[in-house]
Amino acid sequence: MQALKHNGRNLEMARKCLGLIRDIAERGASSWDPDEVGYALQELSQVLLERTGTEDILFEPVPADQIEDLTKLYVELDFVDSCSQSLYASHGRN
């Protein structure tokens, strides 16, 4: 029973984390300021990378027009998005 409560708390915290990622990404995506766009993208990337166990700082906040390989990043994110859409569709969600 204790494990079930713990899993429920983790699920709720994971949803809260995704909500924050969504909010940060939305602010970055709606901004016309290259510094704000770059900050959102680079900081989210760094925080998510740190969750893998690395403490190396690989992403410095820079204006969006100075970030390299954004096309490659877009292709990878588009793949994750399509997989996520398929997963949700297979579970009867939108």
PDB file of N, CA and C in Angstrom:
ATOM      1  N   MET A   1       0.830  -1.194   0.000  1.00  0.00           N
ATOM      2  CA  MET A   1       0.000   0.000   0.000  1.00  0.00           C
ATOM      3  C   MET A   1       0.876   1.260   0.000  1.00  0.00           C
ATOM      4  N   GLN A   2       1.973   1.234   0.762  1.00  0.00           N
ATOM      5  CA  GLN A   2       2.885   2.378   0.832  1.00  0.00           C
ATOM      6  C   GLN A   2       3.495   2.669  -0.537  1.00  0.00           C
ATOM      7  N   ALA A   3       3.871   1.600  -1.259  1.00  0.00           N
ATOM      8  CA  ALA A   3       4.460   1.775  -2.595  1.00  0.00           C
ATOM      9  C   ALA A   3       3.450   2.425  -3.537  1.00  0.00           C
ATOM     10  N   LEU A   4       2.193   2.082  -3.411  1.00  0.00           N
ATOM     11  CA  LEU A   4       1.154   2.671  -4.251  1.00  0.00           C
ATOM     12  C   LEU A   4       1.028   4.168  -4.002  1.00  0.00           C
ATOM     13  N   LYS A   5       1.086   4.588  -2.738  1.00  0.00           N
ATOM     14  CA  LYS A   5       1.042   6.011  -2.401  1.00  0.00           C
ATOM     15  C   LYS A   5       2.255   6.732  -2.967  1.00  0.00           C
ATOM     16  N   HIS A   6       3.428   6.103  -2.832  1.00  0.00           N
ATOM     17  CA  HIS A   6       4.668   6.695  -3.347  1.00  0.00           C
ATOM     18  C   HIS A   6       4.583   6.870  -4.864  1.00  0.00           C
ATOM     19  N   ASN A   7       4.090   5.829  -5.568  1.00  0.00           N
ATOM     20  CA  ASN A   7       3.946   5.908  -7.017  1.00  0.00           C
ATOM     21  C   ASN A   7       2.963   6.996  -7.417  1.00  0.00           C
ATOM     22  N   GLY A   8       1.906   7.146  -6.665  1.00  0.00           N
ATOM     23  CA  GLY A   8       0.930   8.203  -6.947  1.00  0.00           C
ATOM     24  C   GLY A   8       1.528   9.585  -6.769  1.00  0.00           C
ATOM     25  N   ARG A   9       2.362   9.760  -5.743  1.00  0.00           N
ATOM     26  CA  ARG A   9       3.034  11.047  -5.524  1.00  0.00           C
ATOM     27  C   ARG A   9       4.021  11.315  -6.654  1.00  0.00           C
ATOM     28  N   ASN A  10       4.747  10.273  -7.072  1.00  0.00           N
ATOM     29  CA  ASN A  10       5.690  10.443  -8.173  1.00  0.00           C
ATOM     30  C   ASN A  10       4.968  10.823  -9.459  1.00  0.00           C
ATOM     31  N   LEU A  11       3.843  10.181  -9.722  1.00  0.00           N
ATOM     32  CA  LEU A  11       3.074  10.487 -10.919  1.00  0.00           C
ATOM     33  C   LEU A  11       2.600  11.940 -10.883  1.00  0.00           C
ATOM     34  N   GLU A  12       2.107  12.371  -9.757  1.00  0.00           N
ATOM     35  CA  GLU A  12       1.640  13.755  -9.627  1.00  0.00           C
ATOM     36  C   GLU A  12       2.802  14.736  -9.780  1.00  0.00           C
ATOM     37  N   MET A  13       3.950  14.428  -9.179  1.00  0.00           N
ATOM     38  CA  MET A  13       5.115  15.308  -9.310  1.00  0.00           C
ATOM     39  C   MET A  13       5.606  15.339 -10.753  1.00  0.00           C
ATOM     40  N   ALA A  14       5.579  14.201 -11.431  1.00  0.00           N
ATOM     41  CA  ALA A  14       5.979  14.156 -12.846  1.00  0.00           C
ATOM     42  C   ALA A  14       5.059  15.047 -13.681  1.00  0.00           C
ATOM     43  N   ARG A  15       3.764  15.015 -13.387  1.00  0.00           N
ATOM     44  CA  ARG A  15       2.818  15.891 -14.106  1.00  0.00           C
ATOM     45  C   ARG A  15       3.115  17.356 -13.825  1.00  0.00           C
ATOM     46  N   LYS A  16       3.449  17.678 -12.580  1.00  0.00           N
ATOM     47  CA  LYS A  16       3.790  19.066 -12.242  1.00  0.00           C
ATOM     48  C   LYS A  16       5.053  19.505 -12.992  1.00  0.00           C
ATOM     49  N   CYS A  17       6.035  18.609 -13.071  1.00  0.00           N
ATOM     50  CA  CYS A  17       7.269  18.925 -13.798  1.00  0.00           C
ATOM     51  C   CYS A  17       6.969  19.170 -15.272  1.00  0.00           C
ATOM     52  N   LEU A  18       6.157  18.306 -15.870  1.00  0.00           N
ATOM     53  CA  LEU A  18       5.791  18.499 -17.268  1.00  0.00           C
ATOM     54  C   LEU A  18       5.018  19.803 -17.470  1.00  0.00           C
ATOM     55  N   GLY A  19       4.193  20.164 -16.506  1.00  0.00           N
ATOM     56  CA  GLY A  19       3.479  21.432 -16.588  1.00  0.00           C
ATOM     57  C   GLY A  19       4.433  22.618 -16.584  1.00  0.00           C
ATOM     58  N   LEU A  20       5.463  22.548 -15.748  1.00  0.00           N
ATOM     59  CA  LEU A  20       6.456  23.623 -15.722  1.00  0.00           C
ATOM     60  C   LEU A  20       7.241  23.679 -17.031  1.00  0.00           C
ATOM     61  N   ILE A  21       7.614  22.506 -17.553  1.00  0.00           N
ATOM     62  CA  ILE A  21       8.312  22.467 -18.841  1.00  0.00           C
ATOM     63  C   ILE A  21       7.432  23.104 -19.914  1.00  0.00           C
ATOM     64  N   ARG A  22       6.150  22.757 -19.925  1.00  0.00           N
ATOM     65  CA  ARG A  22       5.203  23.330 -20.886  1.00  0.00           C
ATOM     66  C   ARG A  22       5.144  24.841 -20.754  1.00  0.00           C
ATOM     67  N   ASP A  23       5.047  25.333 -19.523  1.00  0.00           N
ATOM     68  CA  ASP A  23       4.927  26.777 -19.301  1.00  0.00           C
ATOM     69  C   ASP A  23       6.190  27.519 -19.743  1.00  0.00           C
ATOM     70  N   ILE A  24       7.353  26.970 -19.397  1.00  0.00           N
ATOM     71  CA  ILE A  24       8.616  27.603 -19.785  1.00  0.00           C
ATOM     72  C   ILE A  24       8.754  27.588 -21.303  1.00  0.00           C
ATOM     73  N   ALA A  25       8.442  26.443 -21.907  1.00  0.00           N
ATOM     74  CA  ALA A  25       8.541  26.321 -23.369  1.00  0.00           C
ATOM     75  C   ALA A  25       7.563  27.266 -24.059  1.00  0.00           C
ATOM     76  N   GLU A  26       6.359  27.390 -23.526  1.00  0.00           N
ATOM     77  CA  GLU A  26       5.358  28.281 -24.129  1.00  0.00           C
ATOM     78  C   GLU A  26       5.812  29.733 -24.080  1.00  0.00           C
ATOM     79  N   ARG A  27       6.375  30.152 -22.943  1.00  0.00           N
ATOM     80  CA  ARG A  27       6.883  31.524 -22.859  1.00  0.00           C
ATOM     81  C   ARG A  27       7.998  31.748 -23.866  1.00  0.00           C
ATOM     82  N   GLY A  28       8.910  30.788 -23.976  1.00  0.00           N
ATOM     83  CA  GLY A  28       9.995  30.912 -24.942  1.00  0.00           C
ATOM     84  C   GLY A  28       9.478  30.927 -26.369  1.00  0.00           C
ATOM     85  N   ALA A  29       8.537  30.041 -26.657  1.00  0.00           N
ATOM     86  CA  ALA A  29       8.008  29.928 -28.016  1.00  0.00           C
ATOM     87  C   ALA A  29       7.211  31.168 -28.437  1.00  0.00           C
ATOM     88  N   SER A  30       6.633  31.864 -27.483  1.00  0.00           N
ATOM     89  CA  SER A  30       5.814  33.026 -27.833  1.00  0.00           C
ATOM     90  C   SER A  30       6.606  34.335 -27.804  1.00  0.00           C
ATOM     91  N   SER A  31       7.866  34.279 -27.426  1.00  0.00           N
ATOM     92  CA  SER A  31       8.680  35.489 -27.328  1.00  0.00           C
ATOM     93  C   SER A  31       9.320  35.819 -28.674  1.00  0.00           C
ATOM     94  N   TRP A  32       9.475  37.101 -28.917  1.00  0.00           N
ATOM     95  CA  TRP A  32      10.193  37.562 -30.110  1.00  0.00           C
ATOM     96  C   TRP A  32      11.635  37.921 -29.767  1.00  0.00           C
ATOM     97  N   ASP A  33      11.988  37.871 -28.488  1.00  0.00           N
ATOM     98  CA  ASP A  33      13.334  38.215 -28.034  1.00  0.00           C
ATOM     99  C   ASP A  33      14.242  36.995 -28.148  1.00  0.00           C
ATOM    100  N   PRO A  34      15.280  37.042 -28.997  1.00  0.00           N
ATOM    101  CA  PRO A  34      16.158  35.881 -29.164  1.00  0.00           C
ATOM    102  C   PRO A  34      16.814  35.431 -27.860  1.00  0.00           C
ATOM    103  N   ASP A  35      17.070  36.372 -26.935  1.00  0.00           N
ATOM    104  CA  ASP A  35      17.653  36.000 -25.640  1.00  0.00           C
ATOM    105  C   ASP A  35      16.684  35.146 -24.836  1.00  0.00           C
ATOM    106  N   GLU A  36      15.413  35.527 -24.810  1.00  0.00           N
ATOM    107  CA  GLU A  36      14.409  34.769 -24.057  1.00  0.00           C
ATOM    108  C   GLU A  36      14.177  33.395 -24.676  1.00  0.00           C
ATOM    109  N   VAL A  37      14.144  33.330 -25.999  1.00  0.00           N
ATOM    110  CA  VAL A  37      13.960  32.045 -26.681  1.00  0.00           C
ATOM    111  C   VAL A  37      15.143  31.133 -26.384  1.00  0.00           C
ATOM    112  N   GLY A  38      16.356  31.670 -26.520  1.00  0.00           N
ATOM    113  CA  GLY A  38      17.557  30.886 -26.245  1.00  0.00           C
ATOM    114  C   GLY A  38      17.635  30.445 -24.805  1.00  0.00           C
ATOM    115  N   TYR A  39      17.264  31.342 -23.888  1.00  0.00           N
ATOM    116  CA  TYR A  39      17.303  31.001 -22.456  1.00  0.00           C
ATOM    117  C   TYR A  39      16.382  29.815 -22.180  1.00  0.00           C
ATOM    118  N   ALA A  40      15.156  29.888 -22.670  1.00  0.00           N
ATOM    119  CA  ALA A  40      14.195  28.812 -22.400  1.00  0.00           C
ATOM    120  C   ALA A  40      14.708  27.482 -22.945  1.00  0.00           C
ATOM    121  N   LEU A  41      15.184  27.477 -24.168  1.00  0.00           N
ATOM    122  CA  LEU A  41      15.630  26.242 -24.789  1.00  0.00           C
ATOM    123  C   LEU A  41      16.892  25.692 -24.122  1.00  0.00           C
ATOM    124  N   GLN A  42      17.846  26.532 -23.890  1.00  0.00           N
ATOM    125  CA  GLN A  42      19.112  26.084 -23.317  1.00  0.00           C
ATOM    126  C   GLN A  42      18.965  25.660 -21.853  1.00  0.00           C
ATOM    127  N   GLU A  43      18.238  26.416 -21.077  1.00  0.00           N
ATOM    128  CA  GLU A  43      18.076  26.066 -19.665  1.00  0.00           C
ATOM    129  C   GLU A  43      17.259  24.788 -19.490  1.00  0.00           C
ATOM    130  N   LEU A  44      16.207  24.624 -20.277  1.00  0.00           N
ATOM    131  CA  LEU A  44      15.459  23.363 -20.203  1.00  0.00           C
ATOM    132  C   LEU A  44      16.356  22.195 -20.592  1.00  0.00           C
ATOM    133  N   SER A  45      17.144  22.369 -21.628  1.00  0.00           N
ATOM    134  CA  SER A  45      18.061  21.312 -22.052  1.00  0.00           C
ATOM    135  C   SER A  45      19.036  20.966 -20.938  1.00  0.00           C
ATOM    136  N   GLN A  46      19.591  21.977 -20.298  1.00  0.00           N
ATOM    137  CA  GLN A  46      20.581  21.737 -19.239  1.00  0.00           C
ATOM    138  C   GLN A  46      19.949  21.029 -18.038  1.00  0.00           C
ATOM    139  N   VAL A  47      18.798  21.488 -17.618  1.00  0.00           N
ATOM    140  CA  VAL A  47      18.138  20.875 -16.459  1.00  0.00           C
ATOM    141  C   VAL A  47      17.802  19.419 -16.750  1.00  0.00           C
ATOM    142  N   LEU A  48      17.277  19.149 -17.941  1.00  0.00           N
ATOM    143  CA  LEU A  48      16.924  17.771 -18.282  1.00  0.00           C
ATOM    144  C   LEU A  48      18.172  16.904 -18.409  1.00  0.00           C
ATOM    145  N   LEU A  49      19.251  17.442 -18.937  1.00  0.00           N
ATOM    146  CA  LEU A  49      20.503  16.697 -19.015  1.00  0.00           C
ATOM    147  C   LEU A  49      21.030  16.367 -17.621  1.00  0.00           C
ATOM    148  N   GLU A  50      20.945  17.312 -16.708  1.00  0.00           N
ATOM    149  CA  GLU A  50      21.431  17.077 -15.352  1.00  0.00           C
ATOM    150  C   GLU A  50      20.684  15.930 -14.681  1.00  0.00           C
ATOM    151  N   ARG A  51      19.456  15.693 -15.074  1.00  0.00           N
ATOM    152  CA  ARG A  51      18.675  14.591 -14.497  1.00  0.00           C
ATOM    153  C   ARG A  51      19.243  13.237 -14.887  1.00  0.00           C
ATOM    154  N   THR A  52      20.117  13.196 -15.908  1.00  0.00           N
ATOM    155  CA  THR A  52      20.729  11.931 -16.319  1.00  0.00           C
ATOM    156  C   THR A  52      21.927  11.597 -15.452  1.00  0.00           C
ATOM    157  N   GLY A  53      22.299  12.516 -14.565  1.00  0.00           N
ATOM    158  CA  GLY A  53      23.405  12.267 -13.660  1.00  0.00           C
ATOM    159  C   GLY A  53      24.645  13.082 -13.958  1.00  0.00           C
ATOM    160  N   THR A  54      24.666  13.771 -15.068  1.00  0.00           N
ATOM    161  CA  THR A  54      25.838  14.583 -15.384  1.00  0.00           C
ATOM    162  C   THR A  54      25.713  15.955 -14.733  1.00  0.00           C
ATOM    163  N   GLU A  55      26.817  16.464 -14.291  1.00  0.00           N
ATOM    164  CA  GLU A  55      26.825  17.803 -13.705  1.00  0.00           C
ATOM    165  C   GLU A  55      27.546  18.789 -14.612  1.00  0.00           C
ATOM    166  N   ASP A  56      27.986  18.297 -15.772  1.00  0.00           N
ATOM    167  CA  ASP A  56      28.665  19.169 -16.728  1.00  0.00           C
ATOM    168  C   ASP A  56      27.694  20.208 -17.263  1.00  0.00           C
ATOM    169  N   ILE A  57      28.183  21.416 -17.385  1.00  0.00           N
ATOM    170  CA  ILE A  57      27.371  22.471 -17.986  1.00  0.00           C
ATOM    171  C   ILE A  57      27.678  22.473 -19.474  1.00  0.00           C
ATOM    172  N   LEU A  58      26.750  21.974 -20.255  1.00  0.00           N
ATOM    173  CA  LEU A  58      26.931  21.885 -21.693  1.00  0.00           C
ATOM    174  C   LEU A  58      26.166  22.956 -22.449  1.00  0.00           C
ATOM    175  N   PHE A  59      25.174  23.530 -21.801  1.00  0.00           N
ATOM    176  CA  PHE A  59      24.321  24.506 -22.463  1.00  0.00           C
ATOM    177  C   PHE A  59      24.407  25.829 -21.730  1.00  0.00           C
ATOM    178  N   GLU A  60      24.918  26.817 -22.397  1.00  0.00           N
ATOM    179  CA  GLU A  60      24.954  28.166 -21.848  1.00  0.00           C
ATOM    180  C   GLU A  60      23.817  28.955 -22.493  1.00  0.00           C
ATOM    181  N   PRO A  61      23.073  29.709 -21.710  1.00  0.00           N
ATOM    182  CA  PRO A  61      22.013  30.517 -22.313  1.00  0.00           C
ATOM    183  C   PRO A  61      22.602  31.540 -23.289  1.00  0.00           C
ATOM    184  N   VAL A  62      22.217  31.405 -24.540  1.00  0.00           N
ATOM    185  CA  VAL A  62      22.626  32.337 -25.583  1.00  0.00           C
ATOM    186  C   VAL A  62      21.395  32.672 -26.409  1.00  0.00           C
ATOM    187  N   PRO A  63      21.438  33.774 -27.148  1.00  0.00           N
ATOM    188  CA  PRO A  63      20.310  34.091 -28.018  1.00  0.00           C
ATOM    189  C   PRO A  63      20.040  32.953 -29.008  1.00  0.00           C
ATOM    190  N   ALA A  64      18.797  32.788 -29.356  1.00  0.00           N
ATOM    191  CA  ALA A  64      18.390  31.686 -30.228  1.00  0.00           C
ATOM    192  C   ALA A  64      19.137  31.685 -31.553  1.00  0.00           C
ATOM    193  N   ASP A  65      19.471  32.859 -32.058  1.00  0.00           N
ATOM    194  CA  ASP A  65      20.143  32.908 -33.356  1.00  0.00           C
ATOM    195  C   ASP A  65      21.605  32.464 -33.273  1.00  0.00           C
ATOM    196  N   GLN A  66      22.093  32.163 -32.067  1.00  0.00           N
ATOM    197  CA  GLN A  66      23.461  31.686 -31.893  1.00  0.00           C
ATOM    198  C   GLN A  66      23.531  30.200 -31.519  1.00  0.00           C
ATOM    199  N   ILE A  67      22.388  29.527 -31.451  1.00  0.00           N
ATOM    200  CA  ILE A  67      22.352  28.105 -31.102  1.00  0.00           C
ATOM    201  C   ILE A  67      22.555  27.287 -32.374  1.00  0.00           C
ATOM    202  N   GLU A  68      23.519  26.383 -32.344  1.00  0.00           N
ATOM    203  CA  GLU A  68      23.815  25.556 -33.510  1.00  0.00           C
ATOM    204  C   GLU A  68      22.929  24.317 -33.539  1.00  0.00           C
ATOM    205  N   ASP A  69      22.765  23.763 -34.712  1.00  0.00           N
ATOM    206  CA  ASP A  69      22.070  22.490 -34.935  1.00  0.00           C
ATOM    207  C   ASP A  69      20.615  22.481 -34.490  1.00  0.00           C
ATOM    208  N   LEU A  70      19.929  23.605 -34.610  1.00  0.00           N
ATOM    209  CA  LEU A  70      18.518  23.624 -34.229  1.00  0.00           C
ATOM    210  C   LEU A  70      17.664  22.764 -35.147  1.00  0.00           C
ATOM    211  N   THR A  71      18.070  22.622 -36.395  1.00  0.00           N
ATOM    212  CA  THR A  71      17.320  21.760 -37.309  1.00  0.00           C
ATOM    213  C   THR A  71      17.361  20.319 -36.823  1.00  0.00           C
ATOM    214  N   LYS A  72      18.519  19.860 -36.380  1.00  0.00           N
ATOM    215  CA  LYS A  72      18.653  18.503 -35.845  1.00  0.00           C
ATOM    216  C   LYS A  72      17.811  18.336 -34.583  1.00  0.00           C
ATOM    217  N   LEU A  73      17.857  19.331 -33.703  1.00  0.00           N
ATOM    218  CA  LEU A  73      17.040  19.295 -32.487  1.00  0.00           C
ATOM    219  C   LEU A  73      15.562  19.221 -32.845  1.00  0.00           C
ATOM    220  N   TYR A  74      15.140  20.021 -33.826  1.00  0.00           N
ATOM    221  CA  TYR A  74      13.741  20.022 -34.236  1.00  0.00           C
ATOM    222  C   TYR A  74      13.325  18.641 -34.745  1.00  0.00           C
ATOM    223  N   VAL A  75      14.158  18.020 -35.563  1.00  0.00           N
ATOM    224  CA  VAL A  75      13.844  16.690 -36.107  1.00  0.00           C
ATOM    225  C   VAL A  75      13.679  15.688 -34.966  1.00  0.00           C
ATOM    226  N   GLU A  76      14.560  15.727 -33.990  1.00  0.00           N
ATOM    227  CA  GLU A  76      14.473  14.803 -32.857  1.00  0.00           C
ATOM    228  C   GLU A  76      13.222  15.063 -32.023  1.00  0.00           C
ATOM    229  N   LEU A  77      12.924  16.330 -31.772  1.00  0.00           N
ATOM    230  CA  LEU A  77      11.724  16.660 -31.002  1.00  0.00           C
ATOM    231  C   LEU A  77      10.453  16.297 -31.770  1.00  0.00           C
ATOM    232  N   ASP A  78      10.472  16.486 -33.077  1.00  0.00           N
ATOM    233  CA  ASP A  78       9.323  16.119 -33.907  1.00  0.00           C
ATOM    234  C   ASP A  78       9.081  14.614 -33.828  1.00  0.00           C
ATOM    235  N   PHE A  79      10.168  13.834 -33.811  1.00  0.00           N
ATOM    236  CA  PHE A  79      10.049  12.380 -33.665  1.00  0.00           C
ATOM    237  C   PHE A  79       9.416  12.028 -32.313  1.00  0.00           C
ATOM    238  N   VAL A  80       9.915  12.646 -31.245  1.00  0.00           N
ATOM    239  CA  VAL A  80       9.359  12.391 -29.911  1.00  0.00           C
ATOM    240  C   VAL A  80       7.891  12.799 -29.867  1.00  0.00           C
ATOM    241  N   ASP A  81       7.567  13.916 -30.492  1.00  0.00           N
ATOM    242  CA  ASP A  81       6.179  14.386 -30.525  1.00  0.00           C
ATOM    243  C   ASP A  81       5.285  13.380 -31.239  1.00  0.00           C
ATOM    244  N   SER A  82       5.735  12.871 -32.395  1.00  0.00           N
ATOM    245  CA  SER A  82       4.904  11.914 -33.133  1.00  0.00           C
ATOM    246  C   SER A  82       4.758  10.607 -32.353  1.00  0.00           C
ATOM    247  N   CYS A  83       5.826  10.162 -31.693  1.00  0.00           N
ATOM    248  CA  CYS A  83       5.726   8.951 -30.861  1.00  0.00           C
ATOM    249  C   CYS A  83       4.748   9.170 -29.709  1.00  0.00           C
ATOM    250  N   SER A  84       4.837  10.340 -29.102  1.00  0.00           N
ATOM    251  CA  SER A  84       3.946  10.667 -27.997  1.00  0.00           C
ATOM    252  C   SER A  84       2.493  10.700 -28.466  1.00  0.00           C
ATOM    253  N   GLN A  85       2.258  11.281 -29.638  1.00  0.00           N
ATOM    254  CA  GLN A  85       0.894  11.326 -30.187  1.00  0.00           C
ATOM    255  C   GLN A  85       0.377   9.915 -30.440  1.00  0.00           C
ATOM    256  N   SER A  86       1.230   9.053 -30.990  1.00  0.00           N
ATOM    257  CA  SER A  86       0.828   7.660 -31.247  1.00  0.00           C
ATOM    258  C   SER A  86       0.512   6.931 -29.953  1.00  0.00           C
ATOM    259  N   LEU A  87       1.340   7.160 -28.939  1.00  0.00           N
ATOM    260  CA  LEU A  87       1.112   6.527 -27.641  1.00  0.00           C
ATOM    261  C   LEU A  87      -0.225   6.952 -27.053  1.00  0.00           C
ATOM    262  N   TYR A  88      -0.485   8.259 -27.082  1.00  0.00           N
ATOM    263  CA  TYR A  88      -1.746   8.756 -26.539  1.00  0.00           C
ATOM    264  C   TYR A  88      -2.940   8.230 -27.344  1.00  0.00           C
ATOM    265  N   ALA A  89      -2.786   8.173 -28.666  1.00  0.00           N
ATOM    266  CA  ALA A  89      -3.874   7.683 -29.511  1.00  0.00           C
ATOM    267  C   ALA A  89      -4.162   6.210 -29.227  1.00  0.00           C
ATOM    268  N   SER A  90      -3.111   5.435 -28.985  1.00  0.00           N
ATOM    269  CA  SER A  90      -3.312   4.014 -28.710  1.00  0.00           C
ATOM    270  C   SER A  90      -3.994   3.780 -27.368  1.00  0.00           C
ATOM    271  N   HIS A  91      -3.924   4.772 -26.501  1.00  0.00           N
ATOM    272  CA  HIS A  91      -4.605   4.684 -25.204  1.00  0.00           C
ATOM    273  C   HIS A  91      -5.928   5.429 -25.217  1.00  0.00           C
ATOM    274  N   GLY A  92      -6.378   5.866 -26.385  1.00  0.00           N
ATOM    275  CA  GLY A  92      -7.667   6.544 -26.509  1.00  0.00           C
ATOM    276  C   GLY A  92      -7.676   7.962 -25.991  1.00  0.00           C
ATOM    277  N   ARG A  93      -6.509   8.622 -26.009  1.00  0.00           N
ATOM    278  CA  ARG A  93      -6.426  10.010 -25.542  1.00  0.00           C
ATOM    279  C   ARG A  93      -6.068  10.913 -26.709  1.00  0.00           C
ATOM    280  N   ASN A  94      -6.351  12.203 -26.555  1.00  0.00           N
ATOM    281  CA  ASN A  94      -5.990  13.180 -27.594  1.00  0.00           C
ATOM    282  C   ASN A  94      -4.711  13.864 -27.242  1.00  0.00           C
TER     283      ASN A  94
END
